[in-house]
Amino acid sequence: METCKHIENVGQSPVGTTFLEVGTGRRINTPLGFWLLRAERIITVDLVLSMKSL
């Protein structure tokens, strides 16, 4: 995961951090990856609603 490499290259850790992912869409690979890296919070947003209200 490129984002993780960039974080490590600047001497930081993704553990316990908050990520904002813009343009999630139907692919949840990136937010899932952040969760697997033990991020404390993951905020995902998209401009298009892909699910109907229940």
PDB file of N, CA and C in Angstrom:
ATOM      1  N   MET A   1       0.851  -1.171   0.000  1.00  0.00           N
ATOM      2  CA  MET A   1       0.000   0.000   0.000  1.00  0.00           C
ATOM      3  C   MET A   1       0.899   1.237   0.000  1.00  0.00           C
ATOM      4  N   GLU A   2       0.778   2.032  -1.044  1.00  0.00           N
ATOM      5  CA  GLU A   2       1.636   3.208  -1.225  1.00  0.00           C
ATOM      6  C   GLU A   2       1.541   4.200  -0.074  1.00  0.00           C
ATOM      7  N   THR A   3       0.342   4.426   0.430  1.00  0.00           N
ATOM      8  CA  THR A   3       0.158   5.387   1.515  1.00  0.00           C
ATOM      9  C   THR A   3       0.970   4.984   2.739  1.00  0.00           C
ATOM     10  N   CYS A   4       0.964   3.703   3.062  1.00  0.00           N
ATOM     11  CA  CYS A   4       1.722   3.212   4.215  1.00  0.00           C
ATOM     12  C   CYS A   4       3.221   3.430   4.012  1.00  0.00           C
ATOM     13  N   LYS A   5       3.706   3.205   2.806  1.00  0.00           N
ATOM     14  CA  LYS A   5       5.124   3.434   2.505  1.00  0.00           C
ATOM     15  C   LYS A   5       5.492   4.898   2.716  1.00  0.00           C
ATOM     16  N   HIS A   6       4.630   5.809   2.259  1.00  0.00           N
ATOM     17  CA  HIS A   6       4.901   7.236   2.437  1.00  0.00           C
ATOM     18  C   HIS A   6       4.926   7.611   3.918  1.00  0.00           C
ATOM     19  N   ILE A   7       3.995   7.060   4.671  1.00  0.00           N
ATOM     20  CA  ILE A   7       3.952   7.351   6.114  1.00  0.00           C
ATOM     21  C   ILE A   7       5.226   6.866   6.795  1.00  0.00           C
ATOM     22  N   GLU A   8       5.655   5.666   6.473  1.00  0.00           N
ATOM     23  CA  GLU A   8       6.868   5.115   7.074  1.00  0.00           C
ATOM     24  C   GLU A   8       8.116   5.873   6.630  1.00  0.00           C
ATOM     25  N   ASN A   9       8.134   6.353   5.380  1.00  0.00           N
ATOM     26  CA  ASN A   9       9.291   7.091   4.866  1.00  0.00           C
ATOM     27  C   ASN A   9       9.527   8.405   5.606  1.00  0.00           C
ATOM     28  N   VAL A  10       8.478   8.973   6.196  1.00  0.00           N
ATOM     29  CA  VAL A  10       8.651  10.206   6.959  1.00  0.00           C
ATOM     30  C   VAL A  10       8.773   9.928   8.459  1.00  0.00           C
ATOM     31  N   GLY A  11       8.933   8.651   8.800  1.00  0.00           N
ATOM     32  CA  GLY A  11       9.191   8.291  10.187  1.00  0.00           C
ATOM     33  C   GLY A  11       7.966   8.238  11.084  1.00  0.00           C
ATOM     34  N   GLN A  12       6.791   8.056  10.503  1.00  0.00           N
ATOM     35  CA  GLN A  12       5.556   7.997  11.283  1.00  0.00           C
ATOM     36  C   GLN A  12       4.968   6.588  11.225  1.00  0.00           C
ATOM     37  N   SER A  13       3.955   6.358  12.040  1.00  0.00           N
ATOM     38  CA  SER A  13       3.262   5.080  12.070  1.00  0.00           C
ATOM     39  C   SER A  13       1.767   5.316  11.849  1.00  0.00           C
ATOM     40  N   PRO A  14       1.106   4.428  11.100  1.00  0.00           N
ATOM     41  CA  PRO A  14      -0.332   4.571  10.897  1.00  0.00           C
ATOM     42  C   PRO A  14      -1.155   4.118  12.104  1.00  0.00           C
ATOM     43  N   VAL A  15      -0.536   3.467  13.045  1.00  0.00           N
ATOM     44  CA  VAL A  15      -1.246   2.926  14.208  1.00  0.00           C
ATOM     45  C   VAL A  15      -1.812   4.060  15.054  1.00  0.00           C
ATOM     46  N   GLY A  16      -3.118   3.993  15.336  1.00  0.00           N
ATOM     47  CA  GLY A  16      -3.762   4.967  16.202  1.00  0.00           C
ATOM     48  C   GLY A  16      -4.049   6.310  15.565  1.00  0.00           C
ATOM     49  N   THR A  17      -3.931   6.415  14.255  1.00  0.00           N
ATOM     50  CA  THR A  17      -4.159   7.694  13.583  1.00  0.00           C
ATOM     51  C   THR A  17      -5.559   7.750  12.974  1.00  0.00           C
ATOM     52  N   THR A  18      -5.918   8.918  12.450  1.00  0.00           N
ATOM     53  CA  THR A  18      -7.179   9.106  11.747  1.00  0.00           C
ATOM     54  C   THR A  18      -6.878   9.347  10.280  1.00  0.00           C
ATOM     55  N   PHE A  19      -7.605   8.660   9.403  1.00  0.00           N
ATOM     56  CA  PHE A  19      -7.452   8.829   7.965  1.00  0.00           C
ATOM     57  C   PHE A  19      -8.743   9.368   7.382  1.00  0.00           C
ATOM     58  N   LEU A  20      -8.612  10.252   6.404  1.00  0.00           N
ATOM     59  CA  LEU A  20      -9.747  10.755   5.642  1.00  0.00           C
ATOM     60  C   LEU A  20      -9.549  10.292   4.211  1.00  0.00           C
ATOM     61  N   GLU A  21     -10.478   9.486   3.723  1.00  0.00           N
ATOM     62  CA  GLU A  21     -10.385   8.980   2.367  1.00  0.00           C
ATOM     63  C   GLU A  21     -11.511   9.584   1.545  1.00  0.00           C
ATOM     64  N   VAL A  22     -11.153  10.326   0.506  1.00  0.00           N
ATOM     65  CA  VAL A  22     -12.131  11.021  -0.322  1.00  0.00           C
ATOM     66  C   VAL A  22     -12.311  10.237  -1.625  1.00  0.00           C
ATOM     67  N   GLY A  23     -13.555   9.997  -1.973  1.00  0.00           N
ATOM     68  CA  GLY A  23     -13.836   9.272  -3.209  1.00  0.00           C
ATOM     69  C   GLY A  23     -13.828   7.766  -3.028  1.00  0.00           C
ATOM     70  N   THR A  24     -14.388   7.297  -1.956  1.00  0.00           N
ATOM     71  CA  THR A  24     -14.386   5.871  -1.649  1.00  0.00           C
ATOM     72  C   THR A  24     -15.097   5.057  -2.712  1.00  0.00           C
ATOM     73  N   GLY A  25     -16.283   5.498  -3.117  1.00  0.00           N
ATOM     74  CA  GLY A  25     -17.039   4.772  -4.134  1.00  0.00           C
ATOM     75  C   GLY A  25     -17.392   3.370  -3.681  1.00  0.00           C
ATOM     76  N   ARG A  26     -17.373   2.446  -4.623  1.00  0.00           N
ATOM     77  CA  ARG A  26     -17.721   1.059  -4.307  1.00  0.00           C
ATOM     78  C   ARG A  26     -16.524   0.237  -3.873  1.00  0.00           C
ATOM     79  N   ARG A  27     -15.335   0.777  -4.002  1.00  0.00           N
ATOM     80  CA  ARG A  27     -14.128   0.034  -3.631  1.00  0.00           C
ATOM     81  C   ARG A  27     -13.722   0.417  -2.216  1.00  0.00           C
ATOM     82  N   ILE A  28     -13.653  -0.561  -1.364  1.00  0.00           N
ATOM     83  CA  ILE A  28     -13.322  -0.281   0.032  1.00  0.00           C
ATOM     84  C   ILE A  28     -11.919  -0.778   0.397  1.00  0.00           C
ATOM     85  N   ASN A  29     -11.078  -1.013  -0.598  1.00  0.00           N
ATOM     86  CA  ASN A  29      -9.733  -1.539  -0.343  1.00  0.00           C
ATOM     87  C   ASN A  29      -8.917  -0.620   0.567  1.00  0.00           C
ATOM     88  N   THR A  30      -8.909   0.657   0.259  1.00  0.00           N
ATOM     89  CA  THR A  30      -8.083   1.584   1.031  1.00  0.00           C
ATOM     90  C   THR A  30      -8.561   1.725   2.472  1.00  0.00           C
ATOM     91  N   PRO A  31      -9.853   1.981   2.735  1.00  0.00           N
ATOM     92  CA  PRO A  31     -10.287   2.050   4.131  1.00  0.00           C
ATOM     93  C   PRO A  31     -10.052   0.737   4.886  1.00  0.00           C
ATOM     94  N   LEU A  32     -10.248  -0.366   4.212  1.00  0.00           N
ATOM     95  CA  LEU A  32      -9.998  -1.666   4.840  1.00  0.00           C
ATOM     96  C   LEU A  32      -8.520  -1.822   5.175  1.00  0.00           C
ATOM     97  N   GLY A  33      -7.670  -1.375   4.279  1.00  0.00           N
ATOM     98  CA  GLY A  33      -6.225  -1.414   4.536  1.00  0.00           C
ATOM     99  C   GLY A  33      -5.836  -0.569   5.737  1.00  0.00           C
ATOM    100  N   PHE A  34      -6.417   0.629   5.860  1.00  0.00           N
ATOM    101  CA  PHE A  34      -6.147   1.472   7.023  1.00  0.00           C
ATOM    102  C   PHE A  34      -6.575   0.776   8.307  1.00  0.00           C
ATOM    103  N   TRP A  35      -7.730   0.107   8.262  1.00  0.00           N
ATOM    104  CA  TRP A  35      -8.222  -0.627   9.427  1.00  0.00           C
ATOM    105  C   TRP A  35      -7.251  -1.751   9.800  1.00  0.00           C
ATOM    106  N   LEU A  36      -6.765  -2.471   8.791  1.00  0.00           N
ATOM    107  CA  LEU A  36      -5.805  -3.543   9.050  1.00  0.00           C
ATOM    108  C   LEU A  36      -4.492  -3.015   9.612  1.00  0.00           C
ATOM    109  N   LEU A  37      -4.160  -1.756   9.294  1.00  0.00           N
ATOM    110  CA  LEU A  37      -2.952  -1.131   9.838  1.00  0.00           C
ATOM    111  C   LEU A  37      -3.177  -0.559  11.235  1.00  0.00           C
ATOM    112  N   ARG A  38      -4.375  -0.814  11.796  1.00  0.00           N
ATOM    113  CA  ARG A  38      -4.740  -0.415  13.150  1.00  0.00           C
ATOM    114  C   ARG A  38      -4.936   1.094  13.301  1.00  0.00           C
ATOM    115  N   ALA A  39      -5.495   1.710  12.271  1.00  0.00           N
ATOM    116  CA  ALA A  39      -5.874   3.115  12.395  1.00  0.00           C
ATOM    117  C   ALA A  39      -6.987   3.217  13.428  1.00  0.00           C
ATOM    118  N   GLU A  40      -6.980   4.297  14.183  1.00  0.00           N
ATOM    119  CA  GLU A  40      -8.006   4.481  15.210  1.00  0.00           C
ATOM    120  C   GLU A  40      -9.344   4.874  14.598  1.00  0.00           C
ATOM    121  N   ARG A  41      -9.282   5.662  13.528  1.00  0.00           N
ATOM    122  CA  ARG A  41     -10.515   6.171  12.925  1.00  0.00           C
ATOM    123  C   ARG A  41     -10.310   6.319  11.420  1.00  0.00           C
ATOM    124  N   ILE A  42     -11.320   5.930  10.639  1.00  0.00           N
ATOM    125  CA  ILE A  42     -11.276   6.064   9.192  1.00  0.00           C
ATOM    126  C   ILE A  42     -12.555   6.753   8.751  1.00  0.00           C
ATOM    127  N   ILE A  43     -12.408   7.901   8.117  1.00  0.00           N
ATOM    128  CA  ILE A  43     -13.552   8.662   7.625  1.00  0.00           C
ATOM    129  C   ILE A  43     -13.540   8.533   6.104  1.00  0.00           C
ATOM    130  N   THR A  44     -14.626   8.025   5.542  1.00  0.00           N
ATOM    131  CA  THR A  44     -14.706   7.885   4.097  1.00  0.00           C
ATOM    132  C   THR A  44     -15.869   8.715   3.582  1.00  0.00           C
ATOM    133  N   VAL A  45     -15.626   9.436   2.500  1.00  0.00           N
ATOM    134  CA  VAL A  45     -16.667  10.262   1.899  1.00  0.00           C
ATOM    135  C   VAL A  45     -16.664  10.078   0.386  1.00  0.00           C
ATOM    136  N   ASP A  46     -17.832  10.270  -0.194  1.00  0.00           N
ATOM    137  CA  ASP A  46     -17.976  10.200  -1.635  1.00  0.00           C
ATOM    138  C   ASP A  46     -19.066  11.187  -2.037  1.00  0.00           C
ATOM    139  N   LEU A  47     -18.978  11.728  -3.240  1.00  0.00           N
ATOM    140  CA  LEU A  47     -19.964  12.691  -3.703  1.00  0.00           C
ATOM    141  C   LEU A  47     -21.255  12.034  -4.156  1.00  0.00           C
ATOM    142  N   VAL A  48     -21.178  10.788  -4.572  1.00  0.00           N
ATOM    143  CA  VAL A  48     -22.333  10.073  -5.110  1.00  0.00           C
ATOM    144  C   VAL A  48     -22.799   9.040  -4.090  1.00  0.00           C
ATOM    145  N   LEU A  49     -24.088   9.104  -3.752  1.00  0.00           N
ATOM    146  CA  LEU A  49     -24.637   8.080  -2.858  1.00  0.00           C
ATOM    147  C   LEU A  49     -24.759   6.773  -3.626  1.00  0.00           C
ATOM    148  N   SER A  50     -24.194   5.723  -3.105  1.00  0.00           N
ATOM    149  CA  SER A  50     -24.282   4.436  -3.790  1.00  0.00           C
ATOM    150  C   SER A  50     -25.237   3.483  -3.066  1.00  0.00           C
ATOM    151  N   MET A  51     -25.797   3.921  -1.957  1.00  0.00           N
ATOM    152  CA  MET A  51     -26.765   3.113  -1.235  1.00  0.00           C
ATOM    153  C   MET A  51     -28.024   3.938  -0.996  1.00  0.00           C
ATOM    154  N   LYS A  52     -29.158   3.306  -1.074  1.00  0.00           N
ATOM    155  CA  LYS A  52     -30.413   3.988  -0.800  1.00  0.00           C
ATOM    156  C   LYS A  52     -30.656   4.003   0.701  1.00  0.00           C
ATOM    157  N   SER A  53     -31.369   5.006   1.166  1.00  0.00           N
ATOM    158  CA  SER A  53     -31.749   5.085   2.583  1.00  0.00           C
ATOM    159  C   SER A  53     -32.668   3.911   2.921  1.00  0.00           C
ATOM    160  N   LEU A  54     -32.497   3.402   4.102  1.00  0.00           N
ATOM    161  CA  LEU A  54     -33.356   2.308   4.535  1.00  0.00           C
ATOM    162  C   LEU A  54     -34.585   2.824   5.240  1.00  0.00           C
TER     163      LEU A  54
END
